[in-house]
C-alpha atoms as a PDB file:
ATOM      1  CA  MET A   1      -8.872 -22.408 -61.572  1.00  0.00           C
ATOM      2  CA  ILE A   2      -9.028 -22.374 -64.403  1.00  0.00           C
ATOM      3  CA  ILE A   3      -7.069 -24.525 -66.646  1.00  0.00           C
ATOM      4  CA  ILE A   4      -6.108 -23.389 -69.944  1.00  0.00           C
ATOM      5  CA  PHE A   5      -3.679 -26.095 -72.304  1.00  0.00           C
ATOM      6  CA  CYS A   6      -2.349 -24.046 -75.484  1.00  0.00           C
ATOM      7  CA  GLU A   7       0.537 -23.870 -77.621  1.00  0.00           C
ATOM      8  CA  HIS A   8       3.346 -21.482 -76.757  1.00  0.00           C
ATOM      9  CA  ILE A   9       2.434 -19.281 -79.734  1.00  0.00           C
ATOM     10  CA  ASP A  10      -1.191 -19.157 -79.765  1.00  0.00           C
ATOM     11  CA  TYR A  11      -2.566 -15.456 -80.370  1.00  0.00           C
ATOM     12  CA  THR A  12      -6.260 -16.615 -79.671  1.00  0.00           C
ATOM     13  CA  ALA A  13      -5.301 -18.617 -76.767  1.00  0.00           C
ATOM     14  CA  ASN A  14      -4.024 -15.044 -75.588  1.00  0.00           C
ATOM     15  CA  GLU A  15      -6.820 -12.966 -76.317  1.00  0.00           C
ATOM     16  CA  ILE A  16      -9.274 -15.781 -74.256  1.00  0.00           C
ATOM     17  CA  CYS A  17      -6.850 -14.921 -71.757  1.00  0.00           C
ATOM     18  CA  ARG A  18      -7.233 -10.785 -71.513  1.00  0.00           C
ATOM     19  CA  TRP A  19     -10.729 -11.630 -71.444  1.00  0.00           C
ATOM     20  CA  LEU A  20     -10.568 -13.462 -68.553  1.00  0.00           C
ATOM     21  CA  LYS A  21      -8.258 -11.294 -66.625  1.00  0.00           C
ATOM     22  CA  TYR A  22     -11.224  -8.096 -68.021  1.00  0.00           C
ATOM     23  CA  PHE A  23     -13.869 -10.756 -65.541  1.00  0.00           C
ATOM     24  CA  ASN A  24     -11.740 -10.807 -62.703  1.00  0.00           C
ATOM     25  CA  LYS A  25     -10.882 -14.541 -63.071  1.00  0.00           C
ATOM     26  CA  ARG A  26      -7.661 -16.345 -62.336  1.00  0.00           C
ATOM     27  CA  TYR A  27      -6.763 -18.755 -64.791  1.00  0.00           C
ATOM     28  CA  CYS A  28      -3.067 -20.830 -65.327  1.00  0.00           C
ATOM     29  CA  LEU A  29      -2.365 -21.230 -68.908  1.00  0.00           C
ATOM     30  CA  ILE A  30       0.308 -24.490 -69.786  1.00  0.00           C
ATOM     31  CA  THR A  31       1.974 -24.297 -72.457  1.00  0.00           C
ATOM     32  CA  ASP A  32       3.942 -27.051 -74.871  1.00  0.00           C
ATOM     33  CA  GLN A  33       7.510 -24.972 -74.047  1.00  0.00           C
ATOM     34  CA  HIS A  34       6.682 -25.324 -69.951  1.00  0.00           C
ATOM     35  CA  PRO A  35       7.322 -28.468 -68.503  1.00  0.00           C
ATOM     36  CA  LEU A  36       5.266 -29.334 -65.314  1.00  0.00           C
ATOM     37  CA  ASP A  37       6.369 -31.175 -62.240  1.00  0.00           C
ATOM     38  CA  VAL A  38       4.163 -33.686 -60.924  1.00  0.00           C
ATOM     39  CA  MET A  39       4.225 -33.253 -57.217  1.00  0.00           C
ATOM     40  CA  GLU A  40       1.595 -36.061 -55.923  1.00  0.00           C
ATOM     41  CA  ILE A  41      -0.905 -38.180 -57.690  1.00  0.00           C
ATOM     42  CA  GLU A  42      -3.327 -40.031 -55.444  1.00  0.00           C
ATOM     43  CA  VAL A  43      -5.596 -42.883 -56.245  1.00  0.00           C
ATOM     44  CA  SER A  44      -7.552 -44.279 -53.519  1.00  0.00           C
ATOM     45  CA  ASN A  45     -11.010 -44.986 -52.479  1.00  0.00           C
ATOM     46  CA  LYS A  46     -11.050 -41.520 -50.134  1.00  0.00           C
ATOM     47  CA  LYS A  47      -9.703 -39.054 -52.850  1.00  0.00           C
ATOM     48  CA  ILE A  48      -8.575 -38.899 -56.275  1.00  0.00           C
ATOM     49  CA  LYS A  49      -6.315 -36.318 -57.400  1.00  0.00           C
ATOM     50  CA  PHE A  50      -3.324 -34.652 -58.792  1.00  0.00           C
ATOM     51  CA  ILE A  51      -0.619 -31.997 -57.836  1.00  0.00           C
ATOM     52  CA  LEU A  52       1.468 -30.294 -60.253  1.00  0.00           C
ATOM     53  CA  TYR A  53       3.613 -27.688 -60.215  1.00  0.00           C
ATOM     54  CA  ASN A  54       3.884 -24.924 -63.427  1.00  0.00           C
ATOM     55  CA  HIS A  55       7.602 -23.541 -63.397  1.00  0.00           C
ATOM     56  CA  ALA A  56       6.000 -20.740 -66.170  1.00  0.00           C
ATOM     57  CA  SER A  57       3.879 -19.158 -63.547  1.00  0.00           C
ATOM     58  CA  LYS A  58       5.439 -20.454 -60.529  1.00  0.00           C
ATOM     59  CA  GLU A  59       2.427 -22.001 -59.192  1.00  0.00           C
ATOM     60  CA  PHE A  60       0.765 -25.205 -57.943  1.00  0.00           C
ATOM     61  CA  VAL A  61      -2.011 -26.752 -60.187  1.00  0.00           C
ATOM     62  CA  ASP A  62      -4.385 -29.133 -57.308  1.00  0.00           C
ATOM     63  CA  SER A  63      -7.050 -30.848 -59.011  1.00  0.00           C
ATOM     64  CA  ASP A  64      -9.342 -30.352 -56.420  1.00  0.00           C
ATOM     65  CA  LYS A  65      -9.013 -26.466 -57.511  1.00  0.00           C
ATOM     66  CA  ILE A  66      -9.659 -26.738 -60.476  1.00  0.00           C
ATOM     67  CA  THR A  67     -13.255 -25.189 -61.996  1.00  0.00           C
ATOM     68  CA  TYR A  68     -13.600 -25.322 -65.815  1.00  0.00           C
ATOM     69  CA  CYS A  69     -10.036 -26.649 -68.497  1.00  0.00           C
ATOM     70  CA  TYR A  70     -10.285 -25.135 -71.558  1.00  0.00           C
ATOM     71  CA  TYR A  71      -8.286 -27.328 -73.752  1.00  0.00           C
ATOM     72  CA  ARG A  72      -6.905 -25.037 -76.692  1.00  0.00           C
ATOM     73  CA  ARG A  73      -4.168 -27.338 -78.678  1.00  0.00           C
ATOM     74  CA  GLY A  74      -0.669 -28.460 -78.504  1.00  0.00           C
ATOM     75  CA  ASP A  75       0.878 -30.839 -75.398  1.00  0.00           C
ATOM     76  CA  TYR A  76       2.369 -30.466 -72.298  1.00  0.00           C
ATOM     77  CA  GLY A  77       5.408 -32.280 -70.723  1.00  0.00           C
ATOM     78  CA  PHE A  78       6.738 -32.913 -67.322  1.00  0.00           C
ATOM     79  CA  ILE A  79      10.101 -32.140 -66.088  1.00  0.00           C
ATOM     80  CA  SER A  80      11.268 -35.361 -65.646  1.00  0.00           C
ATOM     81  CA  ASP A  81      10.810 -35.852 -69.533  1.00  0.00           C
ATOM     82  CA  TYR A  82      14.633 -35.305 -69.703  1.00  0.00           C
ATOM     83  CA  GLY A  83      15.079 -38.605 -69.398  1.00  0.00           C
ATOM     84  CA  ILE A  84      13.500 -39.546 -72.437  1.00  0.00           C
ATOM     85  CA  ASN A  85      15.606 -37.607 -74.528  1.00  0.00           C
ATOM     86  CA  HIS A  86      18.905 -38.607 -73.484  1.00  0.00           C
ATOM     87  CA  ASN A  87      21.236 -41.626 -73.458  1.00  0.00           C
ATOM     88  CA  VAL A  88      21.445 -42.689 -69.857  1.00  0.00           C
ATOM     89  CA  TYR A  89      23.687 -45.124 -70.977  1.00  0.00           C
ATOM     90  CA  GLU A  90      25.846 -44.249 -73.539  1.00  0.00           C
ATOM     91  CA  ASN A  91      27.832 -46.690 -74.406  1.00  0.00           C
ATOM     92  CA  ASN A  92      24.675 -49.033 -74.457  1.00  0.00           C
ATOM     93  CA  ILE A  93      22.317 -47.445 -77.054  1.00  0.00           C
ATOM     94  CA  ALA A  94      19.935 -50.918 -76.642  1.00  0.00           C
ATOM     95  CA  ILE A  95      19.773 -50.168 -73.134  1.00  0.00           C
ATOM     96  CA  SER A  96      19.388 -46.658 -73.448  1.00  0.00           C
ATOM     97  CA  ASN A  97      16.793 -47.256 -75.471  1.00  0.00           C
ATOM     98  CA  GLY A  98      14.703 -49.799 -73.769  1.00  0.00           C
ATOM     99  CA  LEU A  99      14.346 -47.250 -71.063  1.00  0.00           C
ATOM    100  CA  LYS A 100      13.359 -44.304 -73.279  1.00  0.00           C
ATOM    101  CA  SER A 101      10.717 -46.700 -74.180  1.00  0.00           C
ATOM    102  CA  TYR A 102       9.782 -47.724 -70.682  1.00  0.00           C
ATOM    103  CA  LEU A 103       9.728 -43.858 -69.454  1.00  0.00           C
ATOM    104  CA  LYS A 104       7.527 -43.314 -72.559  1.00  0.00           C
ATOM    105  CA  SER A 105       5.167 -45.206 -71.152  1.00  0.00           C
ATOM    106  CA  GLU A 106       5.324 -44.487 -67.616  1.00  0.00           C
ATOM    107  CA  THR A 107       4.848 -40.344 -69.006  1.00  0.00           C
ATOM    108  CA  LYS A 108       1.625 -41.707 -71.552  1.00  0.00           C
ATOM    109  CA  ALA A 109       0.275 -43.542 -68.642  1.00  0.00           C
ATOM    110  CA  ILE A 110       0.348 -40.271 -66.580  1.00  0.00           C
ATOM    111  CA  LYS A 111      -1.258 -38.137 -69.055  1.00  0.00           C
ATOM    112  CA  GLU A 112      -3.707 -40.132 -69.517  1.00  0.00           C
ATOM    113  CA  PHE A 113      -4.960 -40.372 -65.774  1.00  0.00           C
ATOM    114  CA  LEU A 114      -4.339 -36.566 -65.896  1.00  0.00           C
ATOM    115  CA  ASP A 115      -6.750 -36.639 -68.764  1.00  0.00           C
ATOM    116  CA  ASP A 116      -9.549 -38.894 -67.361  1.00  0.00           C
ATOM    117  CA  VAL A 117      -9.663 -36.145 -64.267  1.00  0.00           C
ATOM    118  CA  ILE A 118      -9.933 -33.079 -66.073  1.00  0.00           C
ATOM    119  CA  LEU A 119     -12.682 -34.908 -68.270  1.00  0.00           C
ATOM    120  CA  ARG A 120     -14.700 -35.111 -65.086  1.00  0.00           C
ATOM    121  CA  LYS A 121     -14.806 -31.100 -64.797  1.00  0.00           C
ATOM    122  CA  LYS A 122     -16.383 -28.531 -66.629  1.00  0.00           C
ATOM    123  CA  TYR A 123     -14.617 -28.656 -70.272  1.00  0.00           C
ATOM    124  CA  ILE A 124     -14.237 -27.435 -73.559  1.00  0.00           C
ATOM    125  CA  GLY A 125     -11.854 -29.499 -75.757  1.00  0.00           C
ATOM    126  CA  SER A 126      -9.703 -32.306 -74.906  1.00  0.00           C
ATOM    127  CA  ARG A 127      -6.733 -34.549 -75.896  1.00  0.00           C
ATOM    128  CA  GLU A 128      -9.424 -37.255 -76.296  1.00  0.00           C
ATOM    129  CA  GLU A 129     -11.002 -35.523 -78.836  1.00  0.00           C
ATOM    130  CA  LEU A 130      -7.898 -35.227 -81.080  1.00  0.00           C
ATOM    131  CA  ASN A 131      -8.982 -37.640 -83.745  1.00  0.00           C
ATOM    132  CA  ARG A 132      -9.075 -35.894 -86.601  1.00  0.00           C
ATOM    133  CA  ASN A 133      -9.614 -39.041 -88.904  1.00  0.00           C
ATOM    134  CA  LYS A 134     -11.460 -37.870 -92.150  1.00  0.00           C
ATOM    135  CA  LEU A 135     -12.909 -40.967 -93.062  1.00  0.00           C
ATOM    136  CA  ILE A 136     -14.350 -41.801 -90.150  1.00  0.00           C
ATOM    137  CA  GLN A 137     -15.681 -37.824 -89.826  1.00  0.00           C
ATOM    138  CA  LEU A 138     -17.159 -38.231 -93.743  1.00  0.00           C
ATOM    139  CA  ARG A 139     -19.106 -42.088 -92.386  1.00  0.00           C
ATOM    140  CA  VAL A 140     -20.717 -40.499 -89.746  1.00  0.00           C
ATOM    141  CA  ALA A 141     -21.485 -36.923 -91.972  1.00  0.00           C
ATOM    142  CA  THR A 142     -23.482 -39.665 -94.401  1.00  0.00           C
ATOM    143  CA  GLU A 143     -25.005 -41.009 -91.282  1.00  0.00           C
ATOM    144  CA  VAL A 144     -26.866 -37.537 -90.298  1.00  0.00           C
ATOM    145  CA  GLY A 145     -27.978 -36.578 -93.965  1.00  0.00           C
ATOM    146  CA  LEU A 146     -25.158 -34.747 -94.918  1.00  0.00           C
ATOM    147  CA  MET A 147     -23.398 -34.589 -98.541  1.00  0.00           C
ATOM    148  CA  ILE A 148     -19.996 -35.653 -99.053  1.00  0.00           C
ATOM    149  CA  PRO A 149     -17.198 -35.328-101.852  1.00  0.00           C
ATOM    150  CA  LYS A 150     -16.302 -38.820-103.496  1.00  0.00           C
ATOM    151  CA  THR A 151     -13.560 -40.030-101.835  1.00  0.00           C
ATOM    152  CA  ILE A 152     -11.209 -43.532-102.325  1.00  0.00           C
ATOM    153  CA  ILE A 153      -7.827 -44.460-100.862  1.00  0.00           C
ATOM    154  CA  THR A 154      -5.568 -46.335-102.754  1.00  0.00           C
ATOM    155  CA  ASN A 155      -1.986 -47.261-103.730  1.00  0.00           C
ATOM    156  CA  ASN A 156      -1.808 -46.939-107.308  1.00  0.00           C
ATOM    157  CA  ALA A 157      -2.763 -44.252-109.972  1.00  0.00           C
ATOM    158  CA  ALA A 158      -4.701 -47.052-112.138  1.00  0.00           C
ATOM    159  CA  THR A 159      -7.200 -47.401-109.585  1.00  0.00           C
ATOM    160  CA  ALA A 160      -7.677 -43.537-109.147  1.00  0.00           C
ATOM    161  CA  THR A 161      -8.221 -42.726-112.765  1.00  0.00           C
ATOM    162  CA  LYS A 162     -10.607 -45.768-113.087  1.00  0.00           C
ATOM    163  CA  LYS A 163     -12.840 -44.736-110.134  1.00  0.00           C
ATOM    164  CA  PHE A 164     -12.525 -40.407-110.958  1.00  0.00           C
ATOM    165  CA  LYS A 165     -13.297 -41.361-114.824  1.00  0.00           C
ATOM    166  CA  LYS A 166     -16.438 -39.344-114.822  1.00  0.00           C
ATOM    167  CA  TYR A 167     -15.205 -36.253-113.189  1.00  0.00           C
ATOM    168  CA  LYS A 168     -13.536 -33.431-114.358  1.00  0.00           C
ATOM    169  CA  SER A 169     -10.782 -32.957-111.760  1.00  0.00           C
ATOM    170  CA  ILE A 170      -9.964 -34.724-108.850  1.00  0.00           C
ATOM    171  CA  ILE A 171      -7.905 -33.328-105.410  1.00  0.00           C
ATOM    172  CA  THR A 172      -5.565 -35.253-103.061  1.00  0.00           C
ATOM    173  CA  LYS A 173      -5.064 -34.127 -99.848  1.00  0.00           C
ATOM    174  CA  GLY A 174      -3.956 -35.923 -96.068  1.00  0.00           C
ATOM    175  CA  ILE A 175      -5.660 -38.750 -94.964  1.00  0.00           C
ATOM    176  CA  ASN A 176      -5.248 -37.527 -90.445  1.00  0.00           C
ATOM    177  CA  GLU A 177      -4.004 -34.443 -90.068  1.00  0.00           C
ATOM    178  CA  SER A 178      -2.038 -31.397 -92.274  1.00  0.00           C
ATOM    179  CA  VAL A 179       2.042 -31.237 -91.090  1.00  0.00           C
ATOM    180  CA  ALA A 180       4.284 -28.508 -91.369  1.00  0.00           C
ATOM    181  CA  PHE A 181       7.916 -28.521 -90.477  1.00  0.00           C
ATOM    182  CA  ALA A 182      11.115 -26.359 -91.561  1.00  0.00           C
ATOM    183  CA  THR A 183      14.470 -26.580 -91.720  1.00  0.00           C
ATOM    184  CA  ILE A 184      17.059 -23.759 -91.309  1.00  0.00           C
ATOM    185  CA  ASN A 185      16.387 -22.391 -94.667  1.00  0.00           C
ATOM    186  CA  GLN A 186      12.558 -23.817 -95.866  1.00  0.00           C
ATOM    187  CA  SER A 187       9.748 -23.848 -93.823  1.00  0.00           C
ATOM    188  CA  PHE A 188       7.117 -27.569 -95.640  1.00  0.00           C
ATOM    189  CA  PHE A 189       3.348 -27.622 -95.221  1.00  0.00           C
ATOM    190  CA  SER A 190       1.034 -30.459 -96.750  1.00  0.00           C
ATOM    191  CA  ALA A 191      -2.408 -28.589 -98.145  1.00  0.00           C
ATOM    192  CA  THR A 192      -5.042 -29.572-100.658  1.00  0.00           C
ATOM    193  CA  ASN A 193      -3.832 -30.142-104.487  1.00  0.00           C
ATOM    194  CA  MET A 194      -5.671 -30.813-107.559  1.00  0.00           C
ATOM    195  CA  VAL A 195      -4.248 -33.761-109.310  1.00  0.00           C
ATOM    196  CA  LYS A 196      -3.853 -33.786-112.803  1.00  0.00           C
ATOM    197  CA  LYS A 197      -4.529 -36.423-115.178  1.00  0.00           C
ATOM    198  CA  LYS A 198      -0.405 -36.535-117.081  1.00  0.00           C
ATOM    199  CA  ASP A 199       0.892 -37.016-113.213  1.00  0.00           C
ATOM    200  CA  MET A 200      -1.558 -40.448-112.752  1.00  0.00           C
ATOM    201  CA  LEU A 201       1.123 -42.909-114.933  1.00  0.00           C
ATOM    202  CA  ASP A 202      -0.539 -46.712-115.291  1.00  0.00           C
ATOM    203  CA  GLY A 203       0.920 -49.114-113.032  1.00  0.00           C
ATOM    204  CA  GLU A 204       2.349 -46.299-110.812  1.00  0.00           C
ATOM    205  CA  SER A 205       2.138 -47.375-107.312  1.00  0.00           C
ATOM    206  CA  PHE A 206       2.696 -45.161-103.879  1.00  0.00           C
ATOM    207  CA  PHE A 207       1.975 -44.766-100.297  1.00  0.00           C
ATOM    208  CA  PRO A 208      -2.049 -45.690-100.064  1.00  0.00           C
ATOM    209  CA  SER A 209      -3.062 -41.814-100.444  1.00  0.00           C
ATOM    210  CA  LEU A 210      -6.458 -39.856-100.351  1.00  0.00           C
ATOM    211  CA  PHE A 211      -8.288 -38.905-103.346  1.00  0.00           C
ATOM    212  CA  GLN A 212     -11.248 -37.002-103.515  1.00  0.00           C
ATOM    213  CA  GLU A 213     -14.069 -35.696-106.112  1.00  0.00           C
ATOM    214  CA  ASN A 214     -13.211 -31.731-106.556  1.00  0.00           C
ATOM    215  CA  ILE A 215     -16.284 -30.027-105.780  1.00  0.00           C
ATOM    216  CA  THR A 216     -16.763 -26.901-108.074  1.00  0.00           C
ATOM    217  CA  LYS A 217     -17.802 -24.524-105.289  1.00  0.00           C
ATOM    218  CA  LYS A 218     -19.532 -21.105-105.107  1.00  0.00           C
ATOM    219  CA  PHE A 219     -17.790 -20.548-101.487  1.00  0.00           C
ATOM    220  CA  GLU A 220     -16.198 -21.637 -98.628  1.00  0.00           C
ATOM    221  CA  LEU A 221     -17.923 -22.202 -95.060  1.00  0.00           C
ATOM    222  CA  ARG A 222     -15.677 -22.620 -92.089  1.00  0.00           C
ATOM    223  CA  ILE A 223     -18.056 -22.618 -89.327  1.00  0.00           C
ATOM    224  CA  PHE A 224     -16.539 -22.562 -85.629  1.00  0.00           C
ATOM    225  CA  PHE A 225     -18.687 -23.940 -82.856  1.00  0.00           C
ATOM    226  CA  PHE A 226     -18.136 -24.328 -79.108  1.00  0.00           C
ATOM    227  CA  ASN A 227     -20.512 -26.491 -76.970  1.00  0.00           C
ATOM    228  CA  THR A 228     -23.979 -24.765 -78.147  1.00  0.00           C
ATOM    229  CA  TYR A 229     -22.190 -21.897 -79.859  1.00  0.00           C
ATOM    230  CA  PHE A 230     -21.979 -21.929 -83.617  1.00  0.00           C
ATOM    231  CA  TYR A 231     -20.195 -19.399 -85.930  1.00  0.00           C
ATOM    232  CA  ALA A 232     -20.250 -19.338 -89.735  1.00  0.00           C
ATOM    233  CA  MET A 233     -18.036 -17.491 -91.996  1.00  0.00           C
ATOM    234  CA  ALA A 234     -18.048 -17.594 -96.217  1.00  0.00           C
ATOM    235  CA  ILE A 235     -14.718 -17.212 -98.378  1.00  0.00           C
ATOM    236  CA  PHE A 236     -15.244 -16.603-101.254  1.00  0.00           C
ATOM    237  CA  SER A 237     -11.853 -18.124-102.728  1.00  0.00           C
ATOM    238  CA  GLN A 238     -12.951 -19.328-105.853  1.00  0.00           C
ATOM    239  CA  LEU A 239     -12.130 -16.547-107.955  1.00  0.00           C
ATOM    240  CA  ASP A 240      -8.686 -16.783-107.283  1.00  0.00           C
ATOM    241  CA  LYS A 241      -6.652 -18.950-108.787  1.00  0.00           C
ATOM    242  CA  LYS A 242      -4.594 -19.169-106.045  1.00  0.00           C
ATOM    243  CA  THR A 243      -7.027 -20.079-103.194  1.00  0.00           C
ATOM    244  CA  LYS A 244      -9.140 -21.617-105.873  1.00  0.00           C
ATOM    245  CA  VAL A 245      -8.703 -25.311-104.819  1.00  0.00           C
ATOM    246  CA  ASP A 246      -7.089 -24.492-101.189  1.00  0.00           C
ATOM    247  CA  PHE A 247      -7.967 -21.078 -99.119  1.00  0.00           C
ATOM    248  CA  ARG A 248      -5.059 -21.805 -96.814  1.00  0.00           C
ATOM    249  CA  ASN A 249      -2.994 -20.754 -99.829  1.00  0.00           C
ATOM    250  CA  TYR A 250      -3.202 -17.116 -98.833  1.00  0.00           C
ATOM    251  CA  ASN A 251      -3.310 -14.454-101.080  1.00  0.00           C
ATOM    252  CA  TRP A 252      -1.422 -11.591 -99.105  1.00  0.00           C
ATOM    253  CA  ASP A 253      -1.638  -8.793-101.893  1.00  0.00           C
ATOM    254  CA  ARG A 254      -5.608  -9.533-102.951  1.00  0.00           C
ATOM    255  CA  PRO A 255      -6.902 -11.582 -99.367  1.00  0.00           C
ATOM    256  CA  ASN A 256     -10.334 -13.234 -99.814  1.00  0.00           C
ATOM    257  CA  ARG A 257     -13.165 -12.160 -99.134  1.00  0.00           C
ATOM    258  CA  MET A 258     -14.595 -13.265 -95.639  1.00  0.00           C
ATOM    259  CA  VAL A 259     -18.185 -12.464 -94.166  1.00  0.00           C
ATOM    260  CA  PRO A 260     -20.842 -14.060 -92.054  1.00  0.00           C
ATOM    261  CA  PHE A 261     -22.841 -16.384 -93.213  1.00  0.00           C
ATOM    262  CA  ASN A 262     -26.596 -17.357 -91.812  1.00  0.00           C
ATOM    263  CA  LEU A 263     -26.989 -21.351 -92.374  1.00  0.00           C
ATOM    264  CA  PRO A 264     -30.057 -22.944 -93.275  1.00  0.00           C
ATOM    265  CA  LEU A 265     -31.550 -24.454 -90.112  1.00  0.00           C
ATOM    266  CA  SER A 266     -31.729 -27.883 -91.985  1.00  0.00           C
ATOM    267  CA  VAL A 267     -28.067 -27.685 -92.524  1.00  0.00           C
ATOM    268  CA  LEU A 268     -27.425 -26.177 -88.985  1.00  0.00           C
ATOM    269  CA  LEU A 269     -29.452 -29.064 -87.580  1.00  0.00           C
ATOM    270  CA  LYS A 270     -26.967 -31.804 -89.354  1.00  0.00           C
ATOM    271  CA  ILE A 271     -23.471 -30.342 -88.168  1.00  0.00           C
ATOM    272  CA  LYS A 272     -25.222 -30.616 -84.569  1.00  0.00           C
ATOM    273  CA  LEU A 273     -26.149 -33.798 -84.634  1.00  0.00           C
ATOM    274  CA  LEU A 274     -22.345 -34.646 -86.572  1.00  0.00           C
ATOM    275  CA  VAL A 275     -20.372 -32.691 -83.656  1.00  0.00           C
ATOM    276  CA  ASN A 276     -22.505 -34.852 -81.562  1.00  0.00           C
ATOM    277  CA  LYS A 277     -21.738 -38.359 -82.971  1.00  0.00           C
ATOM    278  CA  LEU A 278     -18.479 -37.459 -83.194  1.00  0.00           C
ATOM    279  CA  ARG A 279     -18.196 -36.416 -79.508  1.00  0.00           C
ATOM    280  CA  LEU A 280     -16.787 -33.073 -79.733  1.00  0.00           C
ATOM    281  CA  THR A 281     -17.116 -29.936 -77.235  1.00  0.00           C
ATOM    282  CA  THR A 282     -15.540 -27.677 -79.789  1.00  0.00           C
ATOM    283  CA  GLY A 283     -13.769 -27.148 -83.287  1.00  0.00           C
ATOM    284  CA  SER A 284     -14.101 -26.424 -86.924  1.00  0.00           C
ATOM    285  CA  VAL A 285     -16.106 -27.471 -90.113  1.00  0.00           C
ATOM    286  CA  ASP A 286     -15.206 -27.009 -93.766  1.00  0.00           C
ATOM    287  CA  MET A 287     -17.943 -26.948 -95.714  1.00  0.00           C
ATOM    288  CA  VAL A 288     -18.194 -26.033 -99.761  1.00  0.00           C
ATOM    289  CA  TYR A 289     -21.570 -24.224-101.511  1.00  0.00           C
ATOM    290  CA  THR A 290     -21.556 -25.638-104.665  1.00  0.00           C
ATOM    291  CA  ASN A 291     -22.085 -24.480-108.015  1.00  0.00           C
ATOM    292  CA  LYS A 292     -25.441 -26.304-107.850  1.00  0.00           C
ATOM    293  CA  ASN A 293     -26.619 -24.732-104.388  1.00  0.00           C
ATOM    294  CA  GLU A 294     -26.078 -27.833-102.076  1.00  0.00           C
ATOM    295  CA  TYR A 295     -23.716 -28.474 -98.795  1.00  0.00           C
ATOM    296  CA  CYS A 296     -21.269 -29.713 -98.948  1.00  0.00           C
ATOM    297  CA  PHE A 297     -18.965 -31.404 -95.699  1.00  0.00           C
ATOM    298  CA  LEU A 298     -15.574 -31.775 -95.998  1.00  0.00           C
ATOM    299  CA  GLU A 299     -14.075 -31.750 -92.111  1.00  0.00           C
ATOM    300  CA  VAL A 300     -13.765 -30.866 -89.177  1.00  0.00           C
ATOM    301  CA  ASN A 301     -10.605 -30.103 -86.918  1.00  0.00           C
ATOM    302  CA  PRO A 302     -11.471 -30.140 -83.171  1.00  0.00           C
ATOM    303  CA  VAL A 303      -8.474 -27.798 -82.787  1.00  0.00           C
ATOM    304  CA  GLY A 304      -8.850 -25.374 -85.569  1.00  0.00           C
ATOM    305  CA  GLN A 305      -7.988 -21.655 -85.319  1.00  0.00           C
ATOM    306  CA  PHE A 306     -11.020 -19.271 -85.126  1.00  0.00           C
ATOM    307  CA  GLY A 307      -9.694 -16.161 -84.960  1.00  0.00           C
ATOM    308  CA  MET A 308      -9.717 -15.783 -88.494  1.00  0.00           C
ATOM    309  CA  VAL A 309     -13.500 -16.224 -87.903  1.00  0.00           C
ATOM    310  CA  SER A 310     -13.926 -14.072 -85.237  1.00  0.00           C
ATOM    311  CA  LYS A 311     -12.170 -10.844 -86.525  1.00  0.00           C
ATOM    312  CA  PRO A 312     -13.271 -10.912 -90.023  1.00  0.00           C
ATOM    313  CA  CYS A 313     -16.886 -11.501 -88.959  1.00  0.00           C
ATOM    314  CA  ASN A 314     -17.080  -9.257 -85.870  1.00  0.00           C
ATOM    315  CA  TYR A 315     -17.796 -12.507 -83.812  1.00  0.00           C
ATOM    316  CA  TYR A 316     -15.637 -11.720 -80.741  1.00  0.00           C
ATOM    317  CA  ILE A 317     -15.697 -15.352 -80.239  1.00  0.00           C
ATOM    318  CA  GLU A 318     -12.701 -14.938 -77.933  1.00  0.00           C
ATOM    319  CA  LYS A 319     -15.141 -12.645 -75.533  1.00  0.00           C
ATOM    320  CA  THR A 320     -17.993 -15.190 -76.001  1.00  0.00           C
ATOM    321  CA  ILE A 321     -15.741 -18.155 -75.016  1.00  0.00           C
ATOM    322  CA  ALA A 322     -13.994 -16.264 -72.078  1.00  0.00           C
ATOM    323  CA  LYS A 323     -17.599 -15.135 -70.573  1.00  0.00           C
ATOM    324  CA  SER A 324     -18.851 -18.622 -71.028  1.00  0.00           C
ATOM    325  CA  ILE A 325     -15.988 -19.874 -68.463  1.00  0.00           C
ATOM    326  CA  ALA A 326     -16.760 -16.906 -65.842  1.00  0.00           C
ATOM    327  CA  GLU A 327     -20.093 -17.174 -65.998  1.00  0.00           C
ATOM    328  CA  TYR A 328     -20.003 -21.153 -65.290  1.00  0.00           C
ATOM    329  CA  GLU A 329     -17.606 -20.337 -62.466  1.00  0.00           C
ATOM    330  CA  LYS A 330     -20.579 -18.275 -61.141  1.00  0.00           C
ATOM    331  CA  LYS A 331     -22.808 -21.246 -60.496  1.00  0.00           C
END
């Protein structure tokens, strides 16, 4: 059995599932919207296993029958989670909060065990790989010989201004991962933004924030990888004011040109070394090609979208992933 973990709405995962059907492979889709029942977990000298029940597909998930796991993105929960989200003792919030904390801890322990068993199978991606700490990624990038932009974290404007005094412009973005949320009337998401010097007032203090040298680029690079496969795409975002700083500020009226790109072998080898050191089996690497004809590493997202690389470049990545899984099952 092939297990795929993904979000409830994930077009990429659905595309991979369609190809698995084409290859006549059985799979079980586990999403963040369909809770599981923990039917049995056994830990003994004779056996290490678990049995779950997937209410969405109405089937049992027996760890002994799992042959391949693909963690796309998202999380999963259990039917018993209801105890975490309700006040069991309505007249005593302290007791209810204490029980919620306990149940969350129990659930966390179960998930850690399931992950541990899954990681002993053949897999692509895992919840263990979700650490997106940009600072650690940048440090490792320097170790493998990749160029990176100057980066600092500070809680005051004076330090940022002093550190980047010789640079024409700087940007700011999240230290860890992007955030997105919505209200009834509005949607919010974080992105990379230019910092204007007039906004950096002397003596102003704020939450520790990441500031980075703004690299003048010819184009951006998005490099998706899984196992030993690497697919690079050039994004010509620099000529559009809307996408110049961050191509995710999409211009739907005039989309950026996106084309396949062949990385120099020396850069590709450094990227491979990077993802190996970060212990990643899949993800999306963001880089820029500078006006000085240099390749500059920015970050890697372990669960980055790759449909936007696959489709414009005719890479058919979804088919390749499904075929790779199907061929492994034949062994």
